[in-house]
Amino acid sequence: MSSEFDRSKIEVPAPTAWPVVLAFSITLIFAGLVTAAGFMMLLATGALAPALLPVVLGLTGFCHGATGPSRDMLVRAATPLGASGKVFGFVYSGLDLGSCLTPLAFGWLLDHGDPRMLFVAVAILMLCTIGTVAQVRRSTQPAPASA
């Protein structure tokens, strides 16, 4: 047996960036949803000049929309190996169901109360979303991206 060390046979696992990705994703979701909820509460006050409404609504949409890719990364990180199709199907079915039912609830709010409560309800739902993101626990390695 040779006492010489063969460096070509050493296998070192590649470092993973997932802890950094998850921390950034959670931070971005938190910041985006808190900012968007703040803009919704500002709209609920009714104190804005009509010329500022499109600007504030655009900023709200941008802040909320910026959370989408981070949400997808969190879902991927929390998905057990081999179950990505089931998990993403479940998550996006829930998003679709919410997109179908929310207009009914908001329409009822508009018909039976102060229309400004619509903005308060949206802000509350955005803040509740933060609570669900905080519950994500990474129990398994993320599934490898398919080509």
N, C-alpha and C. Protein backbone atom coordinates (compact mmCIF):
# COMPACT_ATOMS: atom_id res chain seq x y z
N MET A 1 0.84 -1.17 0.00
CA MET A 1 0.00 0.00 0.00
C MET A 1 0.89 1.23 0.00
N SER A 2 0.57 2.16 -0.82
CA SER A 2 1.37 3.36 -0.97
C SER A 2 1.00 4.36 0.13
N SER A 3 1.99 5.04 0.61
CA SER A 3 1.74 6.05 1.63
C SER A 3 1.40 7.41 1.00
N GLU A 4 1.47 7.46 -0.31
CA GLU A 4 1.16 8.70 -1.01
C GLU A 4 -0.36 8.91 -1.05
N PHE A 5 -0.77 10.12 -0.84
CA PHE A 5 -2.18 10.46 -0.76
C PHE A 5 -2.69 10.86 -2.14
N ASP A 6 -3.74 10.22 -2.61
CA ASP A 6 -4.31 10.50 -3.92
C ASP A 6 -5.44 11.53 -3.78
N ARG A 7 -5.15 12.78 -4.13
CA ARG A 7 -6.12 13.86 -3.97
C ARG A 7 -7.24 13.81 -5.00
N SER A 8 -7.09 13.07 -6.03
CA SER A 8 -8.14 13.02 -7.06
C SER A 8 -9.33 12.19 -6.61
N LYS A 9 -9.20 11.46 -5.53
CA LYS A 9 -10.28 10.58 -5.06
C LYS A 9 -11.08 11.18 -3.91
N ILE A 10 -10.74 12.37 -3.48
CA ILE A 10 -11.47 12.99 -2.37
C ILE A 10 -12.73 13.64 -2.92
N GLU A 11 -13.85 13.34 -2.29
CA GLU A 11 -15.11 13.96 -2.68
C GLU A 11 -15.58 14.86 -1.55
N VAL A 12 -15.74 16.11 -1.88
CA VAL A 12 -16.20 17.09 -0.91
C VAL A 12 -17.57 17.56 -1.37
N PRO A 13 -18.58 17.49 -0.49
CA PRO A 13 -19.89 17.94 -0.92
C PRO A 13 -19.88 19.43 -1.24
N ALA A 14 -20.61 19.79 -2.26
CA ALA A 14 -20.69 21.19 -2.66
C ALA A 14 -21.45 21.98 -1.59
N PRO A 15 -20.98 23.17 -1.30
CA PRO A 15 -21.71 23.98 -0.31
C PRO A 15 -23.08 24.35 -0.87
N THR A 16 -24.03 24.46 0.00
CA THR A 16 -25.37 24.81 -0.44
C THR A 16 -25.69 26.24 -0.05
N ALA A 17 -26.39 26.90 -0.92
CA ALA A 17 -26.77 28.30 -0.67
C ALA A 17 -28.19 28.39 -0.13
N TRP A 18 -28.84 27.24 0.12
CA TRP A 18 -30.24 27.28 0.54
C TRP A 18 -30.49 28.09 1.81
N PRO A 19 -29.65 28.02 2.83
CA PRO A 19 -29.94 28.86 4.00
C PRO A 19 -29.99 30.35 3.66
N VAL A 20 -29.10 30.79 2.78
CA VAL A 20 -29.09 32.19 2.37
C VAL A 20 -30.32 32.50 1.52
N VAL A 21 -30.66 31.60 0.61
CA VAL A 21 -31.84 31.80 -0.24
C VAL A 21 -33.10 31.88 0.60
N LEU A 22 -33.24 30.98 1.57
CA LEU A 22 -34.42 30.99 2.42
C LEU A 22 -34.50 32.25 3.27
N ALA A 23 -33.38 32.67 3.84
CA ALA A 23 -33.38 33.88 4.66
C ALA A 23 -33.76 35.09 3.81
N PHE A 24 -33.19 35.18 2.60
CA PHE A 24 -33.53 36.29 1.71
C PHE A 24 -35.00 36.23 1.30
N SER A 25 -35.50 35.03 1.00
CA SER A 25 -36.89 34.87 0.58
C SER A 25 -37.85 35.30 1.67
N ILE A 26 -37.59 34.87 2.89
CA ILE A 26 -38.47 35.23 3.99
C ILE A 26 -38.43 36.73 4.23
N THR A 27 -37.25 37.32 4.16
CA THR A 27 -37.12 38.76 4.35
C THR A 27 -37.85 39.52 3.26
N LEU A 28 -37.71 39.09 2.01
CA LEU A 28 -38.37 39.77 0.90
C LEU A 28 -39.89 39.66 1.00
N ILE A 29 -40.37 38.48 1.37
CA ILE A 29 -41.82 38.30 1.53
C ILE A 29 -42.33 39.19 2.65
N PHE A 30 -41.63 39.19 3.78
CA PHE A 30 -42.04 40.02 4.90
C PHE A 30 -42.07 41.49 4.51
N ALA A 31 -40.99 41.98 3.91
CA ALA A 31 -40.92 43.39 3.54
C ALA A 31 -41.97 43.75 2.48
N GLY A 32 -42.13 42.89 1.48
CA GLY A 32 -43.09 43.18 0.42
C GLY A 32 -44.52 43.20 0.92
N LEU A 33 -44.88 42.24 1.76
CA LEU A 33 -46.26 42.18 2.24
C LEU A 33 -46.55 43.26 3.28
N VAL A 34 -45.61 43.57 4.14
CA VAL A 34 -45.83 44.64 5.11
C VAL A 34 -45.96 45.98 4.39
N THR A 35 -45.13 46.21 3.39
CA THR A 35 -45.21 47.46 2.63
C THR A 35 -46.53 47.54 1.86
N ALA A 36 -46.91 46.45 1.20
CA ALA A 36 -48.17 46.44 0.46
C ALA A 36 -49.36 46.64 1.40
N ALA A 37 -49.33 45.99 2.56
CA ALA A 37 -50.41 46.17 3.54
C ALA A 37 -50.46 47.62 4.03
N GLY A 38 -49.30 48.22 4.20
CA GLY A 38 -49.26 49.63 4.60
C GLY A 38 -49.88 50.53 3.55
N PHE A 39 -49.59 50.26 2.30
CA PHE A 39 -50.21 51.04 1.22
C PHE A 39 -51.73 50.83 1.20
N MET A 40 -52.18 49.61 1.46
CA MET A 40 -53.63 49.34 1.50
C MET A 40 -54.29 50.12 2.64
N MET A 41 -53.63 50.16 3.79
CA MET A 41 -54.18 50.93 4.91
C MET A 41 -54.20 52.43 4.59
N LEU A 42 -53.20 52.89 3.87
CA LEU A 42 -53.18 54.29 3.44
C LEU A 42 -54.36 54.57 2.51
N LEU A 43 -54.65 53.64 1.62
CA LEU A 43 -55.80 53.81 0.74
C LEU A 43 -57.11 53.78 1.54
N ALA A 44 -57.15 52.98 2.60
CA ALA A 44 -58.37 52.87 3.41
C ALA A 44 -58.71 54.17 4.12
N THR A 45 -57.71 54.99 4.36
CA THR A 45 -57.98 56.26 5.05
C THR A 45 -58.78 57.21 4.17
N GLY A 46 -58.65 57.08 2.87
CA GLY A 46 -59.34 57.99 1.96
C GLY A 46 -58.71 59.37 1.91
N ALA A 47 -57.52 59.51 2.46
CA ALA A 47 -56.88 60.81 2.56
C ALA A 47 -55.99 61.14 1.36
N LEU A 48 -55.87 60.23 0.43
CA LEU A 48 -54.98 60.48 -0.72
C LEU A 48 -55.69 61.31 -1.78
N ALA A 49 -54.91 62.13 -2.45
CA ALA A 49 -55.43 62.86 -3.60
C ALA A 49 -55.71 61.87 -4.73
N PRO A 50 -56.77 62.07 -5.48
CA PRO A 50 -57.10 61.13 -6.56
C PRO A 50 -55.94 60.89 -7.54
N ALA A 51 -55.10 61.87 -7.75
CA ALA A 51 -53.98 61.70 -8.67
C ALA A 51 -52.95 60.71 -8.14
N LEU A 52 -52.90 60.51 -6.82
CA LEU A 52 -51.93 59.58 -6.24
C LEU A 52 -52.44 58.15 -6.19
N LEU A 53 -53.72 57.93 -6.40
CA LEU A 53 -54.26 56.58 -6.32
C LEU A 53 -53.57 55.60 -7.27
N PRO A 54 -53.39 55.93 -8.55
CA PRO A 54 -52.71 54.96 -9.43
C PRO A 54 -51.27 54.68 -9.00
N VAL A 55 -50.61 55.69 -8.47
CA VAL A 55 -49.22 55.50 -8.02
C VAL A 55 -49.18 54.54 -6.83
N VAL A 56 -50.04 54.78 -5.84
CA VAL A 56 -50.04 53.93 -4.64
C VAL A 56 -50.50 52.51 -5.00
N LEU A 57 -51.51 52.39 -5.85
CA LEU A 57 -51.95 51.05 -6.28
C LEU A 57 -50.85 50.34 -7.06
N GLY A 58 -50.12 51.07 -7.90
CA GLY A 58 -49.01 50.47 -8.65
C GLY A 58 -47.90 50.00 -7.72
N LEU A 59 -47.57 50.81 -6.72
CA LEU A 59 -46.54 50.42 -5.75
C LEU A 59 -47.00 49.22 -4.92
N THR A 60 -48.28 49.18 -4.59
CA THR A 60 -48.82 48.03 -3.87
C THR A 60 -48.68 46.76 -4.70
N GLY A 61 -49.06 46.85 -5.97
CA GLY A 61 -48.94 45.69 -6.86
C GLY A 61 -47.50 45.25 -7.02
N PHE A 62 -46.59 46.21 -7.13
CA PHE A 62 -45.18 45.86 -7.26
C PHE A 62 -44.67 45.14 -6.01
N CYS A 63 -44.99 45.68 -4.83
CA CYS A 63 -44.53 45.07 -3.58
C CYS A 63 -45.11 43.67 -3.40
N HIS A 64 -46.38 43.52 -3.71
CA HIS A 64 -47.00 42.20 -3.57
C HIS A 64 -46.46 41.24 -4.63
N GLY A 65 -46.30 41.70 -5.85
CA GLY A 65 -45.81 40.85 -6.94
C GLY A 65 -44.37 40.41 -6.74
N ALA A 66 -43.58 41.24 -6.07
CA ALA A 66 -42.17 40.89 -5.83
C ALA A 66 -42.03 39.71 -4.89
N THR A 67 -43.08 39.36 -4.17
CA THR A 67 -43.00 38.25 -3.23
C THR A 67 -43.22 36.90 -3.91
N GLY A 68 -43.73 36.88 -5.14
CA GLY A 68 -44.05 35.62 -5.83
C GLY A 68 -42.87 34.67 -6.00
N PRO A 69 -41.76 35.12 -6.56
CA PRO A 69 -40.63 34.20 -6.71
C PRO A 69 -40.09 33.68 -5.37
N SER A 70 -40.11 34.52 -4.34
CA SER A 70 -39.67 34.07 -3.03
C SER A 70 -40.62 33.03 -2.47
N ARG A 71 -41.91 33.21 -2.71
CA ARG A 71 -42.89 32.21 -2.26
C ARG A 71 -42.59 30.87 -2.92
N ASP A 72 -42.29 30.91 -4.21
CA ASP A 72 -41.99 29.66 -4.92
C ASP A 72 -40.73 28.99 -4.37
N MET A 73 -39.74 29.78 -4.01
CA MET A 73 -38.51 29.21 -3.44
C MET A 73 -38.79 28.58 -2.07
N LEU A 74 -39.63 29.20 -1.27
CA LEU A 74 -39.98 28.63 0.03
C LEU A 74 -40.75 27.33 -0.13
N VAL A 75 -41.68 27.30 -1.08
CA VAL A 75 -42.44 26.07 -1.32
C VAL A 75 -41.49 24.97 -1.77
N ARG A 76 -40.58 25.31 -2.65
CA ARG A 76 -39.62 24.31 -3.14
C ARG A 76 -38.74 23.78 -2.01
N ALA A 77 -38.32 24.68 -1.12
CA ALA A 77 -37.44 24.27 -0.03
C ALA A 77 -38.16 23.39 0.99
N ALA A 78 -39.45 23.59 1.16
CA ALA A 78 -40.20 22.82 2.14
C ALA A 78 -40.78 21.53 1.56
N THR A 79 -40.58 21.31 0.27
CA THR A 79 -41.16 20.14 -0.39
C THR A 79 -40.27 18.92 -0.21
N PRO A 80 -40.84 17.81 0.26
CA PRO A 80 -40.05 16.58 0.35
C PRO A 80 -39.60 16.10 -1.03
N LEU A 81 -38.49 15.41 -1.07
CA LEU A 81 -37.99 14.89 -2.35
C LEU A 81 -39.04 14.01 -3.01
N GLY A 82 -39.24 14.20 -4.29
CA GLY A 82 -40.17 13.40 -5.06
C GLY A 82 -41.62 13.81 -4.95
N ALA A 83 -41.92 14.87 -4.20
CA ALA A 83 -43.31 15.28 -4.02
C ALA A 83 -43.59 16.67 -4.56
N SER A 84 -42.70 17.19 -5.39
CA SER A 84 -42.86 18.57 -5.83
C SER A 84 -44.13 18.79 -6.63
N GLY A 85 -44.52 17.83 -7.46
CA GLY A 85 -45.75 17.99 -8.24
C GLY A 85 -46.98 18.07 -7.37
N LYS A 86 -47.05 17.21 -6.37
CA LYS A 86 -48.19 17.23 -5.44
C LYS A 86 -48.25 18.53 -4.66
N VAL A 87 -47.10 18.94 -4.14
CA VAL A 87 -47.07 20.14 -3.30
C VAL A 87 -47.40 21.38 -4.13
N PHE A 88 -46.76 21.54 -5.27
CA PHE A 88 -47.05 22.71 -6.10
C PHE A 88 -48.49 22.69 -6.59
N GLY A 89 -49.01 21.52 -6.91
CA GLY A 89 -50.41 21.41 -7.31
C GLY A 89 -51.34 21.84 -6.20
N PHE A 90 -51.04 21.42 -4.97
CA PHE A 90 -51.86 21.80 -3.83
C PHE A 90 -51.78 23.30 -3.58
N VAL A 91 -50.57 23.85 -3.60
CA VAL A 91 -50.38 25.28 -3.33
C VAL A 91 -51.11 26.12 -4.39
N TYR A 92 -50.90 25.79 -5.65
CA TYR A 92 -51.51 26.61 -6.69
C TYR A 92 -53.01 26.38 -6.82
N SER A 93 -53.51 25.22 -6.42
CA SER A 93 -54.96 25.02 -6.36
C SER A 93 -55.55 25.91 -5.28
N GLY A 94 -54.85 26.03 -4.16
CA GLY A 94 -55.29 26.93 -3.10
C GLY A 94 -55.29 28.38 -3.55
N LEU A 95 -54.26 28.77 -4.28
CA LEU A 95 -54.22 30.14 -4.80
C LEU A 95 -55.37 30.39 -5.77
N ASP A 96 -55.65 29.41 -6.63
CA ASP A 96 -56.76 29.56 -7.57
C ASP A 96 -58.10 29.62 -6.86
N LEU A 97 -58.29 28.78 -5.85
CA LEU A 97 -59.53 28.80 -5.09
C LEU A 97 -59.72 30.14 -4.39
N GLY A 98 -58.65 30.65 -3.79
CA GLY A 98 -58.72 31.97 -3.15
C GLY A 98 -59.02 33.07 -4.15
N SER A 99 -58.46 32.96 -5.35
CA SER A 99 -58.73 33.96 -6.38
C SER A 99 -60.18 33.92 -6.85
N CYS A 100 -60.81 32.76 -6.73
CA CYS A 100 -62.22 32.64 -7.12
C CYS A 100 -63.17 33.12 -6.02
N LEU A 101 -62.84 32.83 -4.77
CA LEU A 101 -63.75 33.14 -3.67
C LEU A 101 -63.61 34.56 -3.11
N THR A 102 -62.41 35.11 -3.19
CA THR A 102 -62.19 36.44 -2.62
C THR A 102 -63.07 37.51 -3.26
N PRO A 103 -63.25 37.54 -4.58
CA PRO A 103 -64.14 38.57 -5.14
C PRO A 103 -65.57 38.49 -4.60
N LEU A 104 -66.03 37.29 -4.29
CA LEU A 104 -67.38 37.17 -3.71
C LEU A 104 -67.43 37.84 -2.33
N ALA A 105 -66.43 37.56 -1.51
CA ALA A 105 -66.39 38.17 -0.18
C ALA A 105 -66.21 39.68 -0.27
N PHE A 106 -65.34 40.12 -1.17
CA PHE A 106 -65.11 41.56 -1.30
C PHE A 106 -66.33 42.26 -1.90
N GLY A 107 -67.04 41.59 -2.79
CA GLY A 107 -68.28 42.16 -3.33
C GLY A 107 -69.31 42.34 -2.24
N TRP A 108 -69.40 41.34 -1.35
CA TRP A 108 -70.33 41.46 -0.23
C TRP A 108 -69.94 42.64 0.65
N LEU A 109 -68.62 42.80 0.91
CA LEU A 109 -68.15 43.94 1.70
C LEU A 109 -68.55 45.26 1.05
N LEU A 110 -68.39 45.34 -0.25
CA LEU A 110 -68.74 46.58 -0.96
C LEU A 110 -70.24 46.86 -0.89
N ASP A 111 -71.05 45.82 -0.97
CA ASP A 111 -72.50 45.99 -0.97
C ASP A 111 -73.08 46.27 0.42
N HIS A 112 -72.43 45.81 1.48
CA HIS A 112 -73.02 45.88 2.81
C HIS A 112 -72.25 46.73 3.81
N GLY A 113 -71.34 47.50 3.39
CA GLY A 113 -70.59 48.28 4.37
C GLY A 113 -69.84 49.41 3.72
N ASP A 114 -68.89 49.88 4.46
CA ASP A 114 -68.03 50.96 3.98
C ASP A 114 -67.05 50.40 2.95
N PRO A 115 -67.05 50.93 1.74
CA PRO A 115 -66.14 50.39 0.72
C PRO A 115 -64.66 50.47 1.12
N ARG A 116 -64.34 51.38 2.03
CA ARG A 116 -62.94 51.46 2.47
C ARG A 116 -62.52 50.23 3.26
N MET A 117 -63.49 49.49 3.80
CA MET A 117 -63.17 48.27 4.55
C MET A 117 -62.54 47.21 3.63
N LEU A 118 -62.78 47.33 2.34
CA LEU A 118 -62.16 46.42 1.39
C LEU A 118 -60.64 46.50 1.49
N PHE A 119 -60.12 47.72 1.56
CA PHE A 119 -58.67 47.91 1.65
C PHE A 119 -58.14 47.40 2.99
N VAL A 120 -58.91 47.58 4.06
CA VAL A 120 -58.51 47.06 5.36
C VAL A 120 -58.47 45.53 5.31
N ALA A 121 -59.48 44.92 4.70
CA ALA A 121 -59.52 43.46 4.60
C ALA A 121 -58.32 42.93 3.81
N VAL A 122 -57.98 43.60 2.72
CA VAL A 122 -56.82 43.17 1.92
C VAL A 122 -55.54 43.29 2.76
N ALA A 123 -55.40 44.37 3.50
CA ALA A 123 -54.21 44.55 4.35
C ALA A 123 -54.14 43.45 5.40
N ILE A 124 -55.27 43.13 6.02
CA ILE A 124 -55.28 42.08 7.03
C ILE A 124 -54.90 40.73 6.43
N LEU A 125 -55.43 40.43 5.25
CA LEU A 125 -55.08 39.16 4.60
C LEU A 125 -53.60 39.11 4.24
N MET A 126 -53.03 40.23 3.81
CA MET A 126 -51.60 40.26 3.51
C MET A 126 -50.78 40.00 4.77
N LEU A 127 -51.19 40.58 5.88
CA LEU A 127 -50.46 40.36 7.13
C LEU A 127 -50.63 38.93 7.62
N CYS A 128 -51.80 38.33 7.40
CA CYS A 128 -51.99 36.92 7.76
C CYS A 128 -51.08 36.01 6.93
N THR A 129 -50.82 36.41 5.71
CA THR A 129 -49.93 35.64 4.84
C THR A 129 -48.53 35.55 5.44
N ILE A 130 -48.11 36.62 6.09
CA ILE A 130 -46.79 36.61 6.73
C ILE A 130 -46.74 35.51 7.79
N GLY A 131 -47.83 35.33 8.50
CA GLY A 131 -47.88 34.27 9.52
C GLY A 131 -47.71 32.88 8.92
N THR A 132 -48.25 32.66 7.73
CA THR A 132 -48.08 31.36 7.10
C THR A 132 -46.65 31.16 6.63
N VAL A 133 -46.02 32.23 6.17
CA VAL A 133 -44.62 32.12 5.73
C VAL A 133 -43.72 31.82 6.93
N ALA A 134 -44.04 32.39 8.07
CA ALA A 134 -43.22 32.17 9.26
C ALA A 134 -43.29 30.71 9.73
N GLN A 135 -44.32 29.98 9.33
CA GLN A 135 -44.48 28.59 9.75
C GLN A 135 -43.72 27.60 8.87
N VAL A 136 -43.17 28.07 7.77
CA VAL A 136 -42.46 27.16 6.87
C VAL A 136 -41.23 26.62 7.58
N ARG A 137 -41.14 25.32 7.62
CA ARG A 137 -39.97 24.67 8.21
C ARG A 137 -39.30 23.84 7.14
N ARG A 138 -38.03 24.03 7.03
CA ARG A 138 -37.28 23.28 6.01
C ARG A 138 -36.84 21.97 6.63
N SER A 139 -37.56 20.91 6.28
CA SER A 139 -37.25 19.62 6.87
C SER A 139 -36.45 18.71 5.94
N THR A 140 -36.47 19.00 4.67
CA THR A 140 -35.74 18.18 3.72
C THR A 140 -34.99 19.08 2.76
N GLN A 141 -34.04 18.47 2.08
CA GLN A 141 -33.35 19.21 1.02
C GLN A 141 -34.33 19.47 -0.11
N PRO A 142 -34.22 20.61 -0.79
CA PRO A 142 -35.12 20.89 -1.89
C PRO A 142 -34.91 19.89 -3.02
N ALA A 143 -35.98 19.62 -3.73
CA ALA A 143 -35.90 18.72 -4.88
C ALA A 143 -35.06 19.38 -5.94
N PRO A 144 -34.22 18.62 -6.65
CA PRO A 144 -33.41 19.21 -7.71
C PRO A 144 -34.31 19.73 -8.82
N ALA A 145 -33.87 20.84 -9.41
CA ALA A 145 -34.65 21.43 -10.48
C ALA A 145 -34.63 20.50 -11.69
N SER A 146 -35.79 20.31 -12.27
CA SER A 146 -35.86 19.44 -13.45
C SER A 146 -35.50 20.24 -14.69
N ALA A 147 -34.89 19.57 -15.63
CA ALA A 147 -34.42 20.25 -16.84
C ALA A 147 -35.54 20.48 -17.80
